[in-house]
C-alpha atoms as a PDB file:
ATOM      1  CA  UNK A   1    -127.380 152.687 127.206  1.00  0.00           C
ATOM      2  CA  UNK A   2    -124.205 153.541 129.108  1.00  0.00           C
ATOM      3  CA  UNK A   3    -124.650 153.717 132.863  1.00  0.00           C
ATOM      4  CA  UNK A   4    -123.406 156.733 134.834  1.00  0.00           C
ATOM      5  CA  UNK A   5    -121.309 155.945 137.900  1.00  0.00           C
ATOM      6  CA  UNK A   6    -119.012 157.521 140.437  1.00  0.00           C
ATOM      7  CA  UNK A   7    -117.737 154.097 141.485  1.00  0.00           C
ATOM      8  CA  UNK A   8    -114.117 153.774 140.384  1.00  0.00           C
ATOM      9  CA  UNK A   9    -113.990 150.057 141.179  1.00  0.00           C
ATOM     10  CA  UNK A  10    -116.824 149.387 138.714  1.00  0.00           C
ATOM     11  CA  UNK A  11    -114.953 151.284 136.006  1.00  0.00           C
ATOM     12  CA  UNK A  12    -111.770 149.327 136.731  1.00  0.00           C
ATOM     13  CA  UNK A  13    -113.599 146.010 136.241  1.00  0.00           C
ATOM     14  CA  UNK A  14    -114.725 147.058 132.758  1.00  0.00           C
ATOM     15  CA  UNK A  15    -111.286 148.332 131.753  1.00  0.00           C
ATOM     16  CA  UNK A  16    -109.567 145.177 133.060  1.00  0.00           C
ATOM     17  CA  UNK A  17    -111.910 143.146 130.839  1.00  0.00           C
ATOM     18  CA  UNK A  18    -110.761 145.026 127.721  1.00  0.00           C
ATOM     19  CA  UNK A  19    -113.918 147.122 127.321  1.00  0.00           C
ATOM     20  CA  UNK A  20    -114.342 150.889 126.897  1.00  0.00           C
ATOM     21  CA  UNK A  21    -115.464 153.511 129.394  1.00  0.00           C
ATOM     22  CA  UNK A  22    -115.694 157.299 129.252  1.00  0.00           C
ATOM     23  CA  UNK A  23    -113.600 159.135 131.827  1.00  0.00           C
ATOM     24  CA  UNK A  24    -113.483 162.794 132.903  1.00  0.00           C
ATOM     25  CA  UNK A  25    -110.392 164.951 132.627  1.00  0.00           C
ATOM     26  CA  UNK A  26    -109.876 168.648 133.181  1.00  0.00           C
ATOM     27  CA  UNK A  27    -109.923 169.155 129.385  1.00  0.00           C
ATOM     28  CA  UNK A  28    -112.651 166.950 127.844  1.00  0.00           C
ATOM     29  CA  UNK A  29    -114.122 163.493 128.482  1.00  0.00           C
ATOM     30  CA  UNK A  30    -112.003 160.670 127.102  1.00  0.00           C
ATOM     31  CA  UNK A  31    -112.941 157.296 125.610  1.00  0.00           C
ATOM     32  CA  UNK A  32    -110.623 155.055 127.602  1.00  0.00           C
ATOM     33  CA  UNK A  33    -109.213 151.577 127.101  1.00  0.00           C
ATOM     34  CA  UNK A  34    -106.405 149.481 128.550  1.00  0.00           C
ATOM     35  CA  UNK A  35    -103.381 150.738 126.617  1.00  0.00           C
ATOM     36  CA  UNK A  36    -101.525 147.414 126.652  1.00  0.00           C
ATOM     37  CA  UNK A  37    -104.474 145.538 125.097  1.00  0.00           C
ATOM     38  CA  UNK A  38    -104.392 145.835 121.296  1.00  0.00           C
ATOM     39  CA  UNK A  39    -107.927 144.491 120.897  1.00  0.00           C
ATOM     40  CA  UNK A  40    -109.251 147.067 123.359  1.00  0.00           C
ATOM     41  CA  UNK A  41    -107.441 149.835 121.464  1.00  0.00           C
ATOM     42  CA  UNK A  42    -109.011 148.674 118.210  1.00  0.00           C
ATOM     43  CA  UNK A  43    -112.413 149.161 119.853  1.00  0.00           C
ATOM     44  CA  UNK A  44    -111.578 152.844 120.387  1.00  0.00           C
ATOM     45  CA  UNK A  45    -110.948 153.372 116.668  1.00  0.00           C
ATOM     46  CA  UNK A  46    -114.058 151.386 115.713  1.00  0.00           C
ATOM     47  CA  UNK A  47    -116.340 153.110 118.231  1.00  0.00           C
ATOM     48  CA  UNK A  48    -115.218 156.604 117.286  1.00  0.00           C
ATOM     49  CA  UNK A  49    -114.827 155.952 113.564  1.00  0.00           C
ATOM     50  CA  UNK A  50    -111.330 157.341 114.057  1.00  0.00           C
ATOM     51  CA  UNK A  51    -108.736 156.978 111.282  1.00  0.00           C
ATOM     52  CA  UNK A  52    -106.044 154.475 112.233  1.00  0.00           C
ATOM     53  CA  UNK A  53    -103.470 157.072 111.151  1.00  0.00           C
ATOM     54  CA  UNK A  54    -104.488 159.391 114.017  1.00  0.00           C
ATOM     55  CA  UNK A  55    -102.363 158.566 117.111  1.00  0.00           C
ATOM     56  CA  UNK A  56    -103.747 158.326 120.650  1.00  0.00           C
ATOM     57  CA  UNK A  57    -102.689 159.966 123.929  1.00  0.00           C
ATOM     58  CA  UNK A  58    -101.725 157.746 126.865  1.00  0.00           C
ATOM     59  CA  UNK A  59    -102.808 158.848 130.346  1.00  0.00           C
ATOM     60  CA  UNK A  60    -100.777 158.057 133.466  1.00  0.00           C
ATOM     61  CA  UNK A  61    -100.939 158.683 137.215  1.00  0.00           C
ATOM     62  CA  UNK A  62     -97.441 160.226 137.437  1.00  0.00           C
ATOM     63  CA  UNK A  63     -94.159 160.809 135.628  1.00  0.00           C
ATOM     64  CA  UNK A  64     -92.678 157.742 137.340  1.00  0.00           C
ATOM     65  CA  UNK A  65     -95.432 155.547 135.888  1.00  0.00           C
ATOM     66  CA  UNK A  66     -94.597 156.847 132.391  1.00  0.00           C
ATOM     67  CA  UNK A  67     -90.920 155.858 132.488  1.00  0.00           C
ATOM     68  CA  UNK A  68     -91.337 152.176 131.424  1.00  0.00           C
ATOM     69  CA  UNK A  69     -93.253 153.294 128.316  1.00  0.00           C
ATOM     70  CA  UNK A  70     -90.627 155.706 126.953  1.00  0.00           C
ATOM     71  CA  UNK A  71     -87.071 155.154 125.777  1.00  0.00           C
ATOM     72  CA  UNK A  72     -85.460 158.220 127.303  1.00  0.00           C
ATOM     73  CA  UNK A  73     -86.194 161.291 129.375  1.00  0.00           C
ATOM     74  CA  UNK A  74     -84.627 164.738 129.253  1.00  0.00           C
ATOM     75  CA  UNK A  75     -84.229 167.624 131.672  1.00  0.00           C
ATOM     76  CA  UNK A  76     -86.816 169.524 129.604  1.00  0.00           C
ATOM     77  CA  UNK A  77     -89.352 166.778 130.266  1.00  0.00           C
ATOM     78  CA  UNK A  78     -88.636 166.672 134.001  1.00  0.00           C
ATOM     79  CA  UNK A  79     -88.950 170.446 134.233  1.00  0.00           C
ATOM     80  CA  UNK A  80     -92.256 170.508 132.351  1.00  0.00           C
ATOM     81  CA  UNK A  81     -93.635 167.605 134.395  1.00  0.00           C
ATOM     82  CA  UNK A  82     -92.696 169.321 137.664  1.00  0.00           C
ATOM     83  CA  UNK A  83     -94.332 172.548 136.490  1.00  0.00           C
ATOM     84  CA  UNK A  84     -97.491 171.431 134.677  1.00  0.00           C
ATOM     85  CA  UNK A  85     -98.437 167.866 135.742  1.00  0.00           C
ATOM     86  CA  UNK A  86    -101.056 166.916 136.636  1.00  0.00           C
ATOM     87  CA  UNK A  87    -102.438 169.205 133.973  1.00  0.00           C
ATOM     88  CA  UNK A  88    -103.410 169.804 130.333  1.00  0.00           C
ATOM     89  CA  UNK A  89     -99.983 169.263 128.764  1.00  0.00           C
ATOM     90  CA  UNK A  90     -99.182 166.315 126.471  1.00  0.00           C
ATOM     91  CA  UNK A  91     -95.567 165.500 125.606  1.00  0.00           C
ATOM     92  CA  UNK A  92     -94.369 163.551 122.561  1.00  0.00           C
ATOM     93  CA  UNK A  93     -91.682 161.115 123.710  1.00  0.00           C
ATOM     94  CA  UNK A  94     -89.685 158.281 122.096  1.00  0.00           C
ATOM     95  CA  UNK A  95     -91.691 155.146 122.890  1.00  0.00           C
ATOM     96  CA  UNK A  96     -90.541 151.862 124.380  1.00  0.00           C
ATOM     97  CA  UNK A  97     -91.571 148.430 123.137  1.00  0.00           C
ATOM     98  CA  UNK A  98     -94.344 148.341 125.753  1.00  0.00           C
ATOM     99  CA  UNK A  99     -96.408 150.735 123.621  1.00  0.00           C
ATOM    100  CA  UNK A 100     -98.385 148.931 120.880  1.00  0.00           C
ATOM    101  CA  UNK A 101     -97.807 150.286 117.368  1.00  0.00           C
ATOM    102  CA  UNK A 102    -101.546 150.883 116.934  1.00  0.00           C
ATOM    103  CA  UNK A 103    -101.413 153.650 119.570  1.00  0.00           C
ATOM    104  CA  UNK A 104     -98.746 155.677 117.748  1.00  0.00           C
ATOM    105  CA  UNK A 105     -99.954 154.855 114.195  1.00  0.00           C
ATOM    106  CA  UNK A 106     -96.577 153.188 113.668  1.00  0.00           C
ATOM    107  CA  UNK A 107     -94.607 156.325 114.557  1.00  0.00           C
ATOM    108  CA  UNK A 108     -91.614 156.245 116.938  1.00  0.00           C
ATOM    109  CA  UNK A 109     -93.029 158.698 119.501  1.00  0.00           C
ATOM    110  CA  UNK A 110     -95.890 158.332 121.940  1.00  0.00           C
ATOM    111  CA  UNK A 111     -98.062 161.152 123.341  1.00  0.00           C
ATOM    112  CA  UNK A 112     -98.259 161.041 127.154  1.00  0.00           C
ATOM    113  CA  UNK A 113     -99.816 163.129 129.906  1.00  0.00           C
ATOM    114  CA  UNK A 114    -100.954 163.125 133.547  1.00  0.00           C
ATOM    115  CA  UNK A 115    -104.547 164.442 133.645  1.00  0.00           C
ATOM    116  CA  UNK A 116    -105.719 166.733 136.426  1.00  0.00           C
ATOM    117  CA  UNK A 117    -109.031 165.248 137.511  1.00  0.00           C
ATOM    118  CA  UNK A 118    -109.289 163.661 140.982  1.00  0.00           C
ATOM    119  CA  UNK A 119    -111.492 160.729 139.947  1.00  0.00           C
ATOM    120  CA  UNK A 120    -109.411 159.806 136.916  1.00  0.00           C
ATOM    121  CA  UNK A 121    -106.161 160.198 138.835  1.00  0.00           C
ATOM    122  CA  UNK A 122    -107.491 157.833 141.483  1.00  0.00           C
ATOM    123  CA  UNK A 123    -108.528 155.383 138.763  1.00  0.00           C
ATOM    124  CA  UNK A 124    -105.080 155.530 137.145  1.00  0.00           C
ATOM    125  CA  UNK A 125    -103.416 154.938 140.513  1.00  0.00           C
ATOM    126  CA  UNK A 126    -105.424 151.713 140.916  1.00  0.00           C
ATOM    127  CA  UNK A 127    -104.480 150.374 137.464  1.00  0.00           C
ATOM    128  CA  UNK A 128    -101.251 148.604 136.548  1.00  0.00           C
ATOM    129  CA  UNK A 129    -101.415 149.946 132.988  1.00  0.00           C
ATOM    130  CA  UNK A 130    -101.967 153.357 131.352  1.00  0.00           C
ATOM    131  CA  UNK A 131    -105.163 154.393 129.586  1.00  0.00           C
ATOM    132  CA  UNK A 132    -105.398 155.337 125.940  1.00  0.00           C
ATOM    133  CA  UNK A 133    -108.110 157.982 125.803  1.00  0.00           C
ATOM    134  CA  UNK A 134    -108.983 160.236 122.874  1.00  0.00           C
ATOM    135  CA  UNK A 135    -112.083 162.410 123.238  1.00  0.00           C
ATOM    136  CA  UNK A 136    -115.300 160.454 123.870  1.00  0.00           C
ATOM    137  CA  UNK A 137    -117.134 161.466 120.688  1.00  0.00           C
ATOM    138  CA  UNK A 138    -117.471 160.331 117.087  1.00  0.00           C
ATOM    139  CA  UNK A 139    -114.353 161.320 115.161  1.00  0.00           C
ATOM    140  CA  UNK A 140    -114.483 164.917 113.969  1.00  0.00           C
ATOM    141  CA  UNK A 141    -117.481 165.956 116.082  1.00  0.00           C
ATOM    142  CA  UNK A 142    -117.620 168.414 119.009  1.00  0.00           C
ATOM    143  CA  UNK A 143    -115.618 167.229 122.015  1.00  0.00           C
ATOM    144  CA  UNK A 144    -117.655 166.326 125.139  1.00  0.00           C
ATOM    145  CA  UNK A 145    -117.226 168.372 128.316  1.00  0.00           C
ATOM    146  CA  UNK A 146    -119.884 166.731 130.489  1.00  0.00           C
ATOM    147  CA  UNK A 147    -121.455 163.260 130.803  1.00  0.00           C
ATOM    148  CA  UNK A 148    -124.601 164.209 128.859  1.00  0.00           C
ATOM    149  CA  UNK A 149    -122.489 164.952 125.764  1.00  0.00           C
ATOM    150  CA  UNK A 150    -120.994 161.460 125.965  1.00  0.00           C
ATOM    151  CA  UNK A 151    -124.427 159.867 126.464  1.00  0.00           C
ATOM    152  CA  UNK A 152    -125.819 161.679 123.432  1.00  0.00           C
ATOM    153  CA  UNK A 153    -122.947 160.652 121.152  1.00  0.00           C
ATOM    154  CA  UNK A 154    -121.707 157.259 122.355  1.00  0.00           C
ATOM    155  CA  UNK A 155    -124.236 156.147 124.964  1.00  0.00           C
ATOM    156  CA  UNK A 156    -125.362 153.118 122.983  1.00  0.00           C
ATOM    157  CA  UNK A 157    -121.806 151.998 122.171  1.00  0.00           C
ATOM    158  CA  UNK A 158    -120.119 151.886 125.585  1.00  0.00           C
ATOM    159  CA  UNK A 159    -121.073 150.383 128.925  1.00  0.00           C
ATOM    160  CA  UNK A 160    -120.160 153.045 131.440  1.00  0.00           C
ATOM    161  CA  UNK A 161    -119.360 156.725 131.995  1.00  0.00           C
ATOM    162  CA  UNK A 162    -117.378 157.801 135.034  1.00  0.00           C
ATOM    163  CA  UNK A 163    -119.323 160.882 136.117  1.00  0.00           C
ATOM    164  CA  UNK A 164    -116.898 163.628 137.047  1.00  0.00           C
ATOM    165  CA  UNK A 165    -119.189 166.559 136.288  1.00  0.00           C
ATOM    166  CA  UNK A 166    -118.256 169.387 133.943  1.00  0.00           C
ATOM    167  CA  UNK A 167    -114.694 169.683 132.658  1.00  0.00           C
ATOM    168  CA  UNK A 168    -113.015 172.727 134.197  1.00  0.00           C
ATOM    169  CA  UNK A 169    -110.792 173.681 131.233  1.00  0.00           C
ATOM    170  CA  UNK A 170    -112.887 172.706 128.218  1.00  0.00           C
ATOM    171  CA  UNK A 171    -110.152 172.564 125.546  1.00  0.00           C
ATOM    172  CA  UNK A 172    -107.938 169.636 124.621  1.00  0.00           C
ATOM    173  CA  UNK A 173    -104.410 169.580 126.030  1.00  0.00           C
ATOM    174  CA  UNK A 174    -101.452 171.473 124.631  1.00  0.00           C
ATOM    175  CA  UNK A 175     -99.087 169.102 122.764  1.00  0.00           C
ATOM    176  CA  UNK A 176     -95.325 169.669 122.795  1.00  0.00           C
ATOM    177  CA  UNK A 177     -92.527 167.670 121.187  1.00  0.00           C
ATOM    178  CA  UNK A 178     -88.914 168.072 120.138  1.00  0.00           C
ATOM    179  CA  UNK A 179     -87.236 167.891 116.736  1.00  0.00           C
ATOM    180  CA  UNK A 180     -84.062 165.982 115.855  1.00  0.00           C
ATOM    181  CA  UNK A 181     -82.006 168.915 117.137  1.00  0.00           C
ATOM    182  CA  UNK A 182     -83.822 168.819 120.515  1.00  0.00           C
ATOM    183  CA  UNK A 183     -85.636 172.075 119.805  1.00  0.00           C
ATOM    184  CA  UNK A 184     -89.155 172.312 121.348  1.00  0.00           C
ATOM    185  CA  UNK A 185     -92.027 172.250 118.845  1.00  0.00           C
ATOM    186  CA  UNK A 186     -95.644 173.158 119.630  1.00  0.00           C
ATOM    187  CA  UNK A 187     -97.945 170.681 117.868  1.00  0.00           C
ATOM    188  CA  UNK A 188    -101.281 171.733 119.355  1.00  0.00           C
ATOM    189  CA  UNK A 189    -102.206 174.842 121.291  1.00  0.00           C
ATOM    190  CA  UNK A 190    -104.187 174.623 124.509  1.00  0.00           C
ATOM    191  CA  UNK A 191    -104.821 176.281 127.848  1.00  0.00           C
ATOM    192  CA  UNK A 192    -101.094 176.020 128.633  1.00  0.00           C
ATOM    193  CA  UNK A 193     -99.803 178.619 126.206  1.00  0.00           C
ATOM    194  CA  UNK A 194     -96.658 179.026 124.145  1.00  0.00           C
ATOM    195  CA  UNK A 195     -95.631 181.810 126.511  1.00  0.00           C
ATOM    196  CA  UNK A 196     -96.149 179.570 129.568  1.00  0.00           C
ATOM    197  CA  UNK A 197     -93.898 176.899 128.053  1.00  0.00           C
ATOM    198  CA  UNK A 198     -91.213 179.344 126.929  1.00  0.00           C
ATOM    199  CA  UNK A 199     -91.094 180.889 130.398  1.00  0.00           C
ATOM    200  CA  UNK A 200     -90.604 177.464 131.965  1.00  0.00           C
ATOM    201  CA  UNK A 201     -88.082 176.114 129.446  1.00  0.00           C
ATOM    202  CA  UNK A 202     -86.315 179.450 128.887  1.00  0.00           C
ATOM    203  CA  UNK A 203     -86.308 178.510 125.207  1.00  0.00           C
ATOM    204  CA  UNK A 204     -88.152 179.781 122.159  1.00  0.00           C
ATOM    205  CA  UNK A 205     -90.790 177.416 120.765  1.00  0.00           C
ATOM    206  CA  UNK A 206     -91.587 176.904 117.105  1.00  0.00           C
ATOM    207  CA  UNK A 207     -95.039 176.023 115.798  1.00  0.00           C
ATOM    208  CA  UNK A 208     -95.181 172.697 113.979  1.00  0.00           C
ATOM    209  CA  UNK A 209     -95.358 173.092 110.209  1.00  0.00           C
ATOM    210  CA  UNK A 210     -96.772 169.973 108.571  1.00  0.00           C
ATOM    211  CA  UNK A 211     -95.506 169.305 105.086  1.00  0.00           C
ATOM    212  CA  UNK A 212     -97.100 165.878 104.687  1.00  0.00           C
ATOM    213  CA  UNK A 213    -100.339 163.996 105.256  1.00  0.00           C
ATOM    214  CA  UNK A 214     -98.780 162.062 108.160  1.00  0.00           C
ATOM    215  CA  UNK A 215    -100.344 162.985 111.506  1.00  0.00           C
ATOM    216  CA  UNK A 216     -97.354 163.296 113.830  1.00  0.00           C
ATOM    217  CA  UNK A 217     -99.478 163.941 116.927  1.00  0.00           C
ATOM    218  CA  UNK A 218    -103.118 163.548 118.037  1.00  0.00           C
ATOM    219  CA  UNK A 219    -105.648 166.263 117.229  1.00  0.00           C
ATOM    220  CA  UNK A 220    -104.010 167.572 114.051  1.00  0.00           C
ATOM    221  CA  UNK A 221    -106.833 166.954 111.573  1.00  0.00           C
ATOM    222  CA  UNK A 222    -107.734 170.123 109.659  1.00  0.00           C
ATOM    223  CA  UNK A 223    -111.467 169.424 110.091  1.00  0.00           C
ATOM    224  CA  UNK A 224    -112.312 168.608 113.694  1.00  0.00           C
ATOM    225  CA  UNK A 225    -114.471 169.573 116.716  1.00  0.00           C
ATOM    226  CA  UNK A 226    -117.331 170.304 114.293  1.00  0.00           C
ATOM    227  CA  UNK A 227    -121.128 170.531 114.762  1.00  0.00           C
ATOM    228  CA  UNK A 228    -123.418 168.854 112.225  1.00  0.00           C
ATOM    229  CA  UNK A 229    -125.070 172.242 111.609  1.00  0.00           C
ATOM    230  CA  UNK A 230    -123.407 174.551 109.106  1.00  0.00           C
ATOM    231  CA  UNK A 231    -121.006 176.645 111.173  1.00  0.00           C
ATOM    232  CA  UNK A 232    -119.241 179.882 110.280  1.00  0.00           C
ATOM    233  CA  UNK A 233    -116.580 181.510 112.431  1.00  0.00           C
ATOM    234  CA  UNK A 234    -116.018 185.207 111.931  1.00  0.00           C
ATOM    235  CA  UNK A 235    -114.412 188.316 113.380  1.00  0.00           C
ATOM    236  CA  UNK A 236    -117.216 190.472 111.944  1.00  0.00           C
ATOM    237  CA  UNK A 237    -120.287 188.905 113.521  1.00  0.00           C
ATOM    238  CA  UNK A 238    -122.732 191.743 112.740  1.00  0.00           C
ATOM    239  CA  UNK A 239    -121.899 191.666 109.036  1.00  0.00           C
ATOM    240  CA  UNK A 240    -122.443 187.901 108.913  1.00  0.00           C
ATOM    241  CA  UNK A 241    -125.763 188.170 110.751  1.00  0.00           C
ATOM    242  CA  UNK A 242    -126.984 190.714 108.217  1.00  0.00           C
ATOM    243  CA  UNK A 243    -125.726 188.522 105.347  1.00  0.00           C
ATOM    244  CA  UNK A 244    -127.739 185.505 106.561  1.00  0.00           C
ATOM    245  CA  UNK A 245    -130.887 187.229 107.857  1.00  0.00           C
ATOM    246  CA  UNK A 246    -133.998 185.191 107.156  1.00  0.00           C
ATOM    247  CA  UNK A 247    -132.326 181.963 108.306  1.00  0.00           C
ATOM    248  CA  UNK A 248    -132.725 180.302 111.692  1.00  0.00           C
ATOM    249  CA  UNK A 249    -129.439 181.416 113.200  1.00  0.00           C
ATOM    250  CA  UNK A 250    -127.775 180.307 116.421  1.00  0.00           C
ATOM    251  CA  UNK A 251    -125.199 182.744 117.720  1.00  0.00           C
ATOM    252  CA  UNK A 252    -122.202 182.216 120.008  1.00  0.00           C
ATOM    253  CA  UNK A 253    -120.700 185.477 121.215  1.00  0.00           C
ATOM    254  CA  UNK A 254    -117.532 185.746 123.271  1.00  0.00           C
ATOM    255  CA  UNK A 255    -118.239 188.585 125.691  1.00  0.00           C
ATOM    256  CA  UNK A 256    -121.458 190.515 125.089  1.00  0.00           C
ATOM    257  CA  UNK A 257    -124.886 190.085 123.568  1.00  0.00           C
ATOM    258  CA  UNK A 258    -125.753 190.977 119.995  1.00  0.00           C
ATOM    259  CA  UNK A 259    -127.702 194.240 119.975  1.00  0.00           C
ATOM    260  CA  UNK A 260    -128.732 194.443 116.331  1.00  0.00           C
ATOM    261  CA  UNK A 261    -132.153 194.204 114.740  1.00  0.00           C
ATOM    262  CA  UNK A 262    -131.913 190.885 112.857  1.00  0.00           C
ATOM    263  CA  UNK A 263    -133.812 188.102 114.617  1.00  0.00           C
ATOM    264  CA  UNK A 264    -131.645 185.396 116.208  1.00  0.00           C
ATOM    265  CA  UNK A 265    -133.154 182.024 117.123  1.00  0.00           C
ATOM    266  CA  UNK A 266    -130.797 181.390 120.052  1.00  0.00           C
ATOM    267  CA  UNK A 267    -127.813 183.298 121.443  1.00  0.00           C
ATOM    268  CA  UNK A 268    -125.178 182.150 123.951  1.00  0.00           C
ATOM    269  CA  UNK A 269    -122.642 184.535 125.503  1.00  0.00           C
ATOM    270  CA  UNK A 270    -119.617 182.560 126.695  1.00  0.00           C
ATOM    271  CA  UNK A 271    -118.132 185.005 129.202  1.00  0.00           C
ATOM    272  CA  UNK A 272    -119.888 188.200 130.288  1.00  0.00           C
ATOM    273  CA  UNK A 273    -116.842 188.794 132.537  1.00  0.00           C
ATOM    274  CA  UNK A 274    -114.557 188.834 129.460  1.00  0.00           C
ATOM    275  CA  UNK A 275    -112.457 185.863 130.591  1.00  0.00           C
ATOM    276  CA  UNK A 276    -110.801 183.741 127.904  1.00  0.00           C
ATOM    277  CA  UNK A 277    -110.579 180.882 130.431  1.00  0.00           C
ATOM    278  CA  UNK A 278    -114.365 181.011 130.778  1.00  0.00           C
ATOM    279  CA  UNK A 279    -114.788 181.160 126.995  1.00  0.00           C
ATOM    280  CA  UNK A 280    -112.694 178.004 126.657  1.00  0.00           C
ATOM    281  CA  UNK A 281    -114.596 176.211 129.411  1.00  0.00           C
ATOM    282  CA  UNK A 282    -118.025 176.995 127.928  1.00  0.00           C
ATOM    283  CA  UNK A 283    -117.343 176.810 124.173  1.00  0.00           C
ATOM    284  CA  UNK A 284    -118.014 173.138 123.410  1.00  0.00           C
ATOM    285  CA  UNK A 285    -121.115 173.002 125.622  1.00  0.00           C
ATOM    286  CA  UNK A 286    -122.531 175.987 123.704  1.00  0.00           C
ATOM    287  CA  UNK A 287    -121.802 174.285 120.391  1.00  0.00           C
ATOM    288  CA  UNK A 288    -123.527 171.097 121.569  1.00  0.00           C
ATOM    289  CA  UNK A 289    -126.571 173.074 122.709  1.00  0.00           C
ATOM    290  CA  UNK A 290    -127.008 174.923 119.406  1.00  0.00           C
ATOM    291  CA  UNK A 291    -126.357 171.820 117.329  1.00  0.00           C
ATOM    292  CA  UNK A 292    -129.450 170.177 118.846  1.00  0.00           C
ATOM    293  CA  UNK A 293    -131.830 172.972 117.764  1.00  0.00           C
ATOM    294  CA  UNK A 294    -132.256 172.150 114.046  1.00  0.00           C
ATOM    295  CA  UNK A 295    -130.855 175.533 113.026  1.00  0.00           C
ATOM    296  CA  UNK A 296    -129.920 176.599 109.518  1.00  0.00           C
ATOM    297  CA  UNK A 297    -126.654 178.130 110.665  1.00  0.00           C
ATOM    298  CA  UNK A 298    -124.401 178.604 113.684  1.00  0.00           C
ATOM    299  CA  UNK A 299    -122.345 181.787 113.761  1.00  0.00           C
ATOM    300  CA  UNK A 300    -119.428 181.932 116.206  1.00  0.00           C
ATOM    301  CA  UNK A 301    -117.423 185.012 117.059  1.00  0.00           C
ATOM    302  CA  UNK A 302    -113.640 184.750 117.099  1.00  0.00           C
ATOM    303  CA  UNK A 303    -111.855 185.867 120.258  1.00  0.00           C
ATOM    304  CA  UNK A 304    -108.737 188.049 120.611  1.00  0.00           C
ATOM    305  CA  UNK A 305    -105.765 186.141 119.208  1.00  0.00           C
ATOM    306  CA  UNK A 306    -103.653 186.287 122.371  1.00  0.00           C
ATOM    307  CA  UNK A 307    -102.861 183.777 125.127  1.00  0.00           C
ATOM    308  CA  UNK A 308    -105.348 180.913 125.122  1.00  0.00           C
ATOM    309  CA  UNK A 309    -107.308 182.842 122.500  1.00  0.00           C
ATOM    310  CA  UNK A 310    -104.902 181.255 120.002  1.00  0.00           C
ATOM    311  CA  UNK A 311    -106.065 177.793 121.093  1.00  0.00           C
ATOM    312  CA  UNK A 312    -109.739 178.793 121.086  1.00  0.00           C
ATOM    313  CA  UNK A 313    -109.500 180.215 117.562  1.00  0.00           C
ATOM    314  CA  UNK A 314    -107.590 177.120 116.423  1.00  0.00           C
ATOM    315  CA  UNK A 315    -110.520 174.920 117.528  1.00  0.00           C
ATOM    316  CA  UNK A 316    -113.007 177.309 115.916  1.00  0.00           C
ATOM    317  CA  UNK A 317    -111.198 177.223 112.574  1.00  0.00           C
ATOM    318  CA  UNK A 318    -111.158 173.431 112.579  1.00  0.00           C
ATOM    319  CA  UNK A 319    -114.841 173.276 113.490  1.00  0.00           C
ATOM    320  CA  UNK A 320    -116.124 175.717 110.884  1.00  0.00           C
ATOM    321  CA  UNK A 321    -117.851 174.917 107.607  1.00  0.00           C
ATOM    322  CA  UNK A 322    -115.967 177.787 105.942  1.00  0.00           C
ATOM    323  CA  UNK A 323    -112.749 175.907 106.701  1.00  0.00           C
ATOM    324  CA  UNK A 324    -113.779 172.954 104.510  1.00  0.00           C
END
């Protein structure tokens, strides 16, 4: 079983040896490996059961440490780095030859970010290589936001978990890239919103429209972040509860408790204070909790489709059985 530690030196020893560890970030826990070691990267795909066509994100200590791994840098990138790093923003950049093809699934761009977690930043500062680190869970399953989630899912497959407590953001990073005309494209929504990015860049962003089966960035699978229990996401939670009465139902509500008459096995309210940030932080932990209860059905209430609500609802759609 994976050991829990707060000792960064112990984690470094394992990574230097080409083995995997789980590391905390402000978004979710990552399954980390030495990014310049192709054999170590292969272990990530094998351990997660991740398709080799799904690229990985590289994590760095600073913008300066990224420069050898990319071919060019623009004023847009410098501006975004100054504004949002360390933080939950991933940028798609033209890669240099230092980045193994396995990391980008053979594509010419690499996804890079500087995570905002003190323990992982200190770890990255002690390494002379970046870390490839997708979420520390089996491919397609709910992302982990605390060490116990990692233990439950991958504890028998990795040696160590760097214990950084609960993730403070709870949703995967926003991913931004640029098209051939240097126009900014939003590939994945996150806590850093489209409006945040447009305000910083003083440019309008377009949402990525995929017309092929090629995954141009991490986290773009249509079915993802999903519990094993049948899960339905809905705007009309009361109607769905009535429709499925008689089943053992777990309920995730955004802001306030269900006050109807149909019996619910377990209910979790994500933010009694009506904060979308709190909803995002608590969502995956609630999904993990309900998925362990042998329920017939999990019902999850959509949130208002504004700000980070767009990112929350994106994750909910990908996680839901009615999206399959």
